[in-house]
Amino acid sequence: MKRLFVFLLLLNFITTLTVGYTIYTTNTKRKPYVIEIESPTKGDDEKFKENMYKALGMIMSGQSQLAANQGRLSTDILRVHHFVEPHTDEFYENCPECQSERQEILEEEKDNMAFNSEAE
């Protein structure tokens, strides 16, 4: 088993050297790329500025959408605790479900108090 690992490591090393040498020799034989840069005309510069403003507007729009989605996600994560952890005495402050349940409890208590005071 140990000989097999040594053999595979040597094979990997030899293959890496061979491929590296082949790539090195083929790249040195090629002609270097010559890149020609044209100076921009006045119309191209205006087009570039217009495209940049559009791109920046799209980025800012995307950022505001991400912020809105994050707020929605935070609220929805708070709602998950209703399925995971039933209410005992704890109500989460920013959870809409907790607030509606608290409001219902307060209204029931108010109705009970009004009913009890009328009975007396």
N, C-alpha and C. Protein backbone atom coordinates (compact mmCIF):
# COMPACT_ATOMS: atom_id res chain seq x y z
N MET A 1 0.83 -1.19 0.00
CA MET A 1 0.00 0.00 0.00
C MET A 1 0.87 1.25 0.00
N LYS A 2 1.93 1.21 0.81
CA LYS A 2 2.84 2.35 0.90
C LYS A 2 3.54 2.58 -0.43
N ARG A 3 3.90 1.51 -1.11
CA ARG A 3 4.56 1.64 -2.41
C ARG A 3 3.63 2.25 -3.46
N LEU A 4 2.34 1.92 -3.34
CA LEU A 4 1.37 2.48 -4.27
C LEU A 4 1.28 4.00 -4.08
N PHE A 5 1.24 4.46 -2.84
CA PHE A 5 1.19 5.91 -2.58
C PHE A 5 2.44 6.61 -3.09
N VAL A 6 3.59 6.03 -2.87
CA VAL A 6 4.84 6.62 -3.35
C VAL A 6 4.84 6.66 -4.87
N PHE A 7 4.40 5.58 -5.49
CA PHE A 7 4.34 5.55 -6.96
C PHE A 7 3.40 6.62 -7.50
N LEU A 8 2.22 6.76 -6.90
CA LEU A 8 1.26 7.77 -7.37
C LEU A 8 1.79 9.19 -7.16
N LEU A 9 2.47 9.44 -6.05
CA LEU A 9 3.05 10.75 -5.83
C LEU A 9 4.14 11.07 -6.85
N LEU A 10 4.99 10.09 -7.13
CA LEU A 10 6.04 10.29 -8.15
C LEU A 10 5.42 10.51 -9.53
N LEU A 11 4.39 9.75 -9.84
CA LEU A 11 3.71 9.91 -11.12
C LEU A 11 3.09 11.31 -11.24
N ASN A 12 2.49 11.78 -10.16
CA ASN A 12 1.91 13.11 -10.15
C ASN A 12 2.99 14.17 -10.34
N PHE A 13 4.11 14.01 -9.66
CA PHE A 13 5.21 14.97 -9.77
C PHE A 13 5.76 15.02 -11.19
N ILE A 14 5.98 13.86 -11.77
CA ILE A 14 6.52 13.79 -13.14
C ILE A 14 5.53 14.39 -14.13
N THR A 15 4.25 14.10 -13.97
CA THR A 15 3.22 14.66 -14.87
C THR A 15 3.19 16.18 -14.76
N THR A 16 3.27 16.71 -13.54
CA THR A 16 3.26 18.16 -13.34
C THR A 16 4.46 18.81 -14.01
N LEU A 17 5.63 18.21 -13.87
CA LEU A 17 6.83 18.75 -14.52
C LEU A 17 6.70 18.72 -16.04
N THR A 18 6.18 17.64 -16.57
CA THR A 18 6.04 17.50 -18.02
C THR A 18 5.06 18.53 -18.58
N VAL A 19 3.90 18.66 -17.95
CA VAL A 19 2.89 19.62 -18.42
C VAL A 19 3.42 21.03 -18.28
N GLY A 20 4.07 21.35 -17.18
CA GLY A 20 4.62 22.69 -16.98
C GLY A 20 5.67 23.03 -18.02
N TYR A 21 6.56 22.09 -18.32
CA TYR A 21 7.59 22.31 -19.34
C TYR A 21 6.96 22.51 -20.71
N THR A 22 5.95 21.69 -21.03
CA THR A 22 5.29 21.81 -22.33
C THR A 22 4.62 23.17 -22.48
N ILE A 23 3.93 23.62 -21.46
CA ILE A 23 3.25 24.93 -21.53
C ILE A 23 4.28 26.05 -21.64
N TYR A 24 5.38 25.93 -20.90
CA TYR A 24 6.41 26.97 -20.92
C TYR A 24 7.04 27.08 -22.31
N THR A 25 7.36 25.95 -22.94
CA THR A 25 8.03 25.99 -24.24
C THR A 25 7.08 26.46 -25.33
N THR A 26 5.79 26.13 -25.27
CA THR A 26 4.87 26.59 -26.31
C THR A 26 4.57 28.07 -26.16
N ASN A 27 4.57 28.61 -24.94
CA ASN A 27 4.31 30.04 -24.76
C ASN A 27 5.49 30.90 -25.17
N THR A 28 6.71 30.41 -25.07
CA THR A 28 7.87 31.22 -25.45
C THR A 28 8.01 31.28 -26.97
N LYS A 29 7.44 30.34 -27.70
CA LYS A 29 7.53 30.34 -29.15
C LYS A 29 6.53 31.28 -29.80
N ARG A 30 5.50 31.67 -29.09
CA ARG A 30 4.49 32.54 -29.67
C ARG A 30 4.99 33.97 -29.77
N LYS A 31 4.36 34.70 -30.69
CA LYS A 31 4.68 36.11 -30.81
C LYS A 31 3.96 36.87 -29.69
N PRO A 32 4.57 37.87 -29.14
CA PRO A 32 3.88 38.65 -28.09
C PRO A 32 2.73 39.45 -28.70
N TYR A 33 1.71 39.62 -27.91
CA TYR A 33 0.56 40.39 -28.37
C TYR A 33 0.90 41.87 -28.37
N VAL A 34 0.47 42.54 -29.41
CA VAL A 34 0.65 43.98 -29.49
C VAL A 34 -0.73 44.60 -29.35
N ILE A 35 -0.89 45.41 -28.35
CA ILE A 35 -2.19 46.03 -28.08
C ILE A 35 -2.11 47.49 -28.52
N GLU A 36 -2.99 47.85 -29.40
CA GLU A 36 -3.04 49.23 -29.86
C GLU A 36 -4.23 49.93 -29.19
N ILE A 37 -3.96 51.07 -28.63
CA ILE A 37 -5.00 51.83 -27.94
C ILE A 37 -5.31 53.06 -28.76
N GLU A 38 -6.58 53.18 -29.10
CA GLU A 38 -7.01 54.36 -29.85
C GLU A 38 -7.39 55.45 -28.87
N SER A 39 -7.08 56.65 -29.22
CA SER A 39 -7.50 57.75 -28.35
C SER A 39 -8.99 57.97 -28.57
N PRO A 40 -9.74 58.14 -27.48
CA PRO A 40 -11.19 58.27 -27.63
C PRO A 40 -11.58 59.60 -28.26
N THR A 41 -12.64 59.52 -29.04
CA THR A 41 -13.16 60.75 -29.63
C THR A 41 -14.12 61.40 -28.63
N LYS A 42 -14.56 62.59 -28.95
CA LYS A 42 -15.43 63.32 -28.02
C LYS A 42 -16.77 62.59 -27.83
N GLY A 43 -17.31 62.01 -28.85
CA GLY A 43 -18.57 61.28 -28.75
C GLY A 43 -18.44 60.03 -27.88
N ASP A 44 -17.29 59.36 -27.99
CA ASP A 44 -17.06 58.16 -27.18
C ASP A 44 -16.99 58.52 -25.70
N ASP A 45 -16.37 59.65 -25.40
CA ASP A 45 -16.25 60.07 -24.01
C ASP A 45 -17.62 60.37 -23.41
N GLU A 46 -18.49 60.99 -24.18
CA GLU A 46 -19.85 61.28 -23.69
C GLU A 46 -20.64 59.99 -23.50
N LYS A 47 -20.47 59.05 -24.43
CA LYS A 47 -21.14 57.76 -24.32
C LYS A 47 -20.69 57.02 -23.07
N PHE A 48 -19.38 57.08 -22.81
CA PHE A 48 -18.83 56.42 -21.64
C PHE A 48 -19.42 57.01 -20.36
N LYS A 49 -19.48 58.33 -20.28
CA LYS A 49 -20.04 58.99 -19.10
C LYS A 49 -21.51 58.60 -18.92
N GLU A 50 -22.25 58.59 -20.01
CA GLU A 50 -23.67 58.23 -19.93
C GLU A 50 -23.84 56.79 -19.43
N ASN A 51 -23.02 55.88 -19.97
CA ASN A 51 -23.09 54.49 -19.53
C ASN A 51 -22.69 54.34 -18.06
N MET A 52 -21.70 55.12 -17.63
CA MET A 52 -21.27 55.06 -16.23
C MET A 52 -22.38 55.54 -15.31
N TYR A 53 -23.07 56.62 -15.67
CA TYR A 53 -24.17 57.11 -14.84
C TYR A 53 -25.31 56.09 -14.78
N LYS A 54 -25.59 55.46 -15.91
CA LYS A 54 -26.62 54.42 -15.90
C LYS A 54 -26.22 53.26 -15.00
N ALA A 55 -24.96 52.83 -15.10
CA ALA A 55 -24.49 51.71 -14.29
C ALA A 55 -24.53 52.05 -12.81
N LEU A 56 -24.11 53.26 -12.46
CA LEU A 56 -24.14 53.66 -11.05
C LEU A 56 -25.57 53.73 -10.54
N GLY A 57 -26.48 54.21 -11.37
CA GLY A 57 -27.89 54.23 -10.98
C GLY A 57 -28.43 52.84 -10.74
N MET A 58 -28.04 51.90 -11.60
CA MET A 58 -28.50 50.52 -11.43
C MET A 58 -27.92 49.91 -10.15
N ILE A 59 -26.66 50.23 -9.86
CA ILE A 59 -26.04 49.70 -8.64
C ILE A 59 -26.75 50.26 -7.41
N MET A 60 -27.04 51.55 -7.40
CA MET A 60 -27.71 52.15 -6.25
C MET A 60 -29.12 51.60 -6.10
N SER A 61 -29.80 51.37 -7.21
CA SER A 61 -31.13 50.78 -7.16
C SER A 61 -31.07 49.38 -6.57
N GLY A 62 -30.07 48.63 -6.98
CA GLY A 62 -29.89 47.28 -6.44
C GLY A 62 -29.59 47.30 -4.95
N GLN A 63 -28.80 48.28 -4.51
CA GLN A 63 -28.48 48.38 -3.08
C GLN A 63 -29.73 48.68 -2.27
N SER A 64 -30.58 49.57 -2.77
CA SER A 64 -31.80 49.89 -2.01
C SER A 64 -32.73 48.68 -1.98
N GLN A 65 -32.77 47.92 -3.06
CA GLN A 65 -33.59 46.72 -3.08
C GLN A 65 -33.05 45.69 -2.09
N LEU A 66 -31.73 45.57 -2.00
CA LEU A 66 -31.13 44.65 -1.03
C LEU A 66 -31.48 45.05 0.40
N ALA A 67 -31.45 46.35 0.69
CA ALA A 67 -31.79 46.81 2.04
C ALA A 67 -33.25 46.49 2.36
N ALA A 68 -34.14 46.70 1.40
CA ALA A 68 -35.55 46.39 1.61
C ALA A 68 -35.76 44.89 1.83
N ASN A 69 -35.07 44.09 1.04
CA ASN A 69 -35.18 42.63 1.19
C ASN A 69 -34.64 42.17 2.54
N GLN A 70 -33.56 42.81 3.01
CA GLN A 70 -32.98 42.43 4.30
C GLN A 70 -33.95 42.73 5.43
N GLY A 71 -34.63 43.87 5.35
CA GLY A 71 -35.63 44.20 6.36
C GLY A 71 -36.76 43.19 6.38
N ARG A 72 -37.22 42.82 5.21
CA ARG A 72 -38.30 41.83 5.10
C ARG A 72 -37.85 40.48 5.65
N LEU A 73 -36.60 40.09 5.34
CA LEU A 73 -36.07 38.82 5.80
C LEU A 73 -35.95 38.80 7.32
N SER A 74 -35.52 39.90 7.91
CA SER A 74 -35.40 39.97 9.36
C SER A 74 -36.76 39.79 10.03
N THR A 75 -37.78 40.43 9.48
CA THR A 75 -39.13 40.29 10.03
C THR A 75 -39.63 38.86 9.87
N ASP A 76 -39.39 38.27 8.74
CA ASP A 76 -39.86 36.90 8.52
C ASP A 76 -39.13 35.89 9.40
N ILE A 77 -37.86 36.13 9.67
CA ILE A 77 -37.12 35.23 10.57
C ILE A 77 -37.71 35.31 11.97
N LEU A 78 -38.13 36.50 12.39
CA LEU A 78 -38.75 36.63 13.70
C LEU A 78 -40.04 35.81 13.79
N ARG A 79 -40.75 35.70 12.69
CA ARG A 79 -42.01 34.95 12.68
C ARG A 79 -41.79 33.45 12.86
N VAL A 80 -40.60 32.97 12.53
CA VAL A 80 -40.32 31.54 12.60
C VAL A 80 -40.41 31.04 14.03
N HIS A 81 -40.11 31.90 15.01
CA HIS A 81 -40.09 31.42 16.39
C HIS A 81 -41.47 30.98 16.87
N HIS A 82 -42.54 31.37 16.19
CA HIS A 82 -43.88 30.92 16.56
C HIS A 82 -44.05 29.43 16.31
N PHE A 83 -43.35 28.92 15.32
CA PHE A 83 -43.44 27.50 15.02
C PHE A 83 -42.43 26.70 15.82
N VAL A 84 -41.32 27.32 16.17
CA VAL A 84 -40.25 26.62 16.88
C VAL A 84 -40.46 26.66 18.38
N GLU A 85 -40.81 27.84 18.90
CA GLU A 85 -40.92 28.03 20.34
C GLU A 85 -42.27 28.66 20.66
N PRO A 86 -43.19 27.91 21.21
CA PRO A 86 -44.49 28.50 21.54
C PRO A 86 -44.34 29.57 22.61
N HIS A 87 -45.29 30.48 22.65
CA HIS A 87 -45.22 31.58 23.61
C HIS A 87 -45.43 31.09 25.04
N THR A 88 -44.62 31.62 25.89
CA THR A 88 -44.84 31.43 27.33
C THR A 88 -45.21 32.80 27.89
N ASP A 89 -44.24 33.51 28.37
CA ASP A 89 -44.48 34.87 28.85
C ASP A 89 -43.71 35.89 28.02
N GLU A 90 -43.01 35.42 27.01
CA GLU A 90 -42.11 36.29 26.27
C GLU A 90 -42.70 36.67 24.92
N PHE A 91 -42.76 37.98 24.68
CA PHE A 91 -43.17 38.50 23.38
C PHE A 91 -42.01 39.27 22.80
N TYR A 92 -41.69 38.99 21.54
CA TYR A 92 -40.61 39.72 20.88
C TYR A 92 -41.13 41.08 20.44
N GLU A 93 -40.30 42.09 20.66
CA GLU A 93 -40.74 43.46 20.45
C GLU A 93 -41.01 43.78 18.98
N ASN A 94 -40.16 43.31 18.07
CA ASN A 94 -40.28 43.68 16.66
C ASN A 94 -41.03 42.66 15.82
N CYS A 95 -41.58 41.65 16.46
CA CYS A 95 -42.28 40.61 15.71
C CYS A 95 -43.75 40.99 15.54
N PRO A 96 -44.24 41.08 14.31
CA PRO A 96 -45.63 41.45 14.08
C PRO A 96 -46.61 40.42 14.66
N GLU A 97 -46.25 39.14 14.61
CA GLU A 97 -47.13 38.10 15.16
C GLU A 97 -47.27 38.27 16.67
N CYS A 98 -46.16 38.55 17.36
CA CYS A 98 -46.20 38.76 18.81
C CYS A 98 -47.05 39.98 19.15
N GLN A 99 -46.87 41.03 18.38
CA GLN A 99 -47.63 42.25 18.66
C GLN A 99 -49.13 42.04 18.46
N SER A 100 -49.51 41.30 17.41
CA SER A 100 -50.94 41.06 17.18
C SER A 100 -51.50 40.16 18.28
N GLU A 101 -50.73 39.15 18.72
CA GLU A 101 -51.20 38.28 19.80
C GLU A 101 -51.33 39.06 21.10
N ARG A 102 -50.36 39.94 21.38
CA ARG A 102 -50.41 40.75 22.59
C ARG A 102 -51.64 41.65 22.56
N GLN A 103 -51.92 42.23 21.38
CA GLN A 103 -53.09 43.10 21.24
C GLN A 103 -54.38 42.32 21.49
N GLU A 104 -54.45 41.10 20.95
CA GLU A 104 -55.64 40.27 21.16
C GLU A 104 -55.82 39.94 22.65
N ILE A 105 -54.73 39.62 23.32
CA ILE A 105 -54.79 39.31 24.75
C ILE A 105 -55.27 40.52 25.54
N LEU A 106 -54.74 41.69 25.20
CA LEU A 106 -55.14 42.91 25.91
C LEU A 106 -56.62 43.22 25.68
N GLU A 107 -57.11 43.02 24.44
CA GLU A 107 -58.52 43.26 24.15
C GLU A 107 -59.41 42.27 24.90
N GLU A 108 -58.98 40.99 24.98
CA GLU A 108 -59.76 40.00 25.74
C GLU A 108 -59.81 40.36 27.21
N GLU A 109 -58.69 40.80 27.76
CA GLU A 109 -58.66 41.20 29.17
C GLU A 109 -59.54 42.43 29.39
N LYS A 110 -59.52 43.36 28.45
CA LYS A 110 -60.35 44.57 28.56
C LYS A 110 -61.83 44.18 28.53
N ASP A 111 -62.19 43.27 27.60
CA ASP A 111 -63.58 42.82 27.52
C ASP A 111 -63.99 42.09 28.79
N ASN A 112 -63.12 41.25 29.33
CA ASN A 112 -63.41 40.53 30.57
C ASN A 112 -63.59 41.49 31.74
N MET A 113 -62.75 42.52 31.79
CA MET A 113 -62.86 43.51 32.87
C MET A 113 -64.17 44.28 32.76
N ALA A 114 -64.54 44.62 31.52
CA ALA A 114 -65.80 45.36 31.31
C ALA A 114 -66.98 44.47 31.66
N PHE A 115 -66.93 43.18 31.31
CA PHE A 115 -68.00 42.25 31.60
C PHE A 115 -68.14 42.04 33.11
N ASN A 116 -66.97 41.92 33.79
CA ASN A 116 -67.00 41.74 35.25
C ASN A 116 -67.54 42.98 35.96
N SER A 117 -67.19 44.16 35.49
CA SER A 117 -67.69 45.38 36.15
C SER A 117 -69.18 45.57 35.91
N GLU A 118 -69.71 45.11 34.77
CA GLU A 118 -71.14 45.20 34.50
C GLU A 118 -71.92 44.21 35.37
N ALA A 119 -71.32 43.05 35.66
CA ALA A 119 -72.00 42.02 36.45
C ALA A 119 -72.14 42.45 37.90
N GLU A 120 -71.21 43.23 38.37
CA GLU A 120 -71.26 43.67 39.76
C GLU A 120 -72.24 44.79 39.85
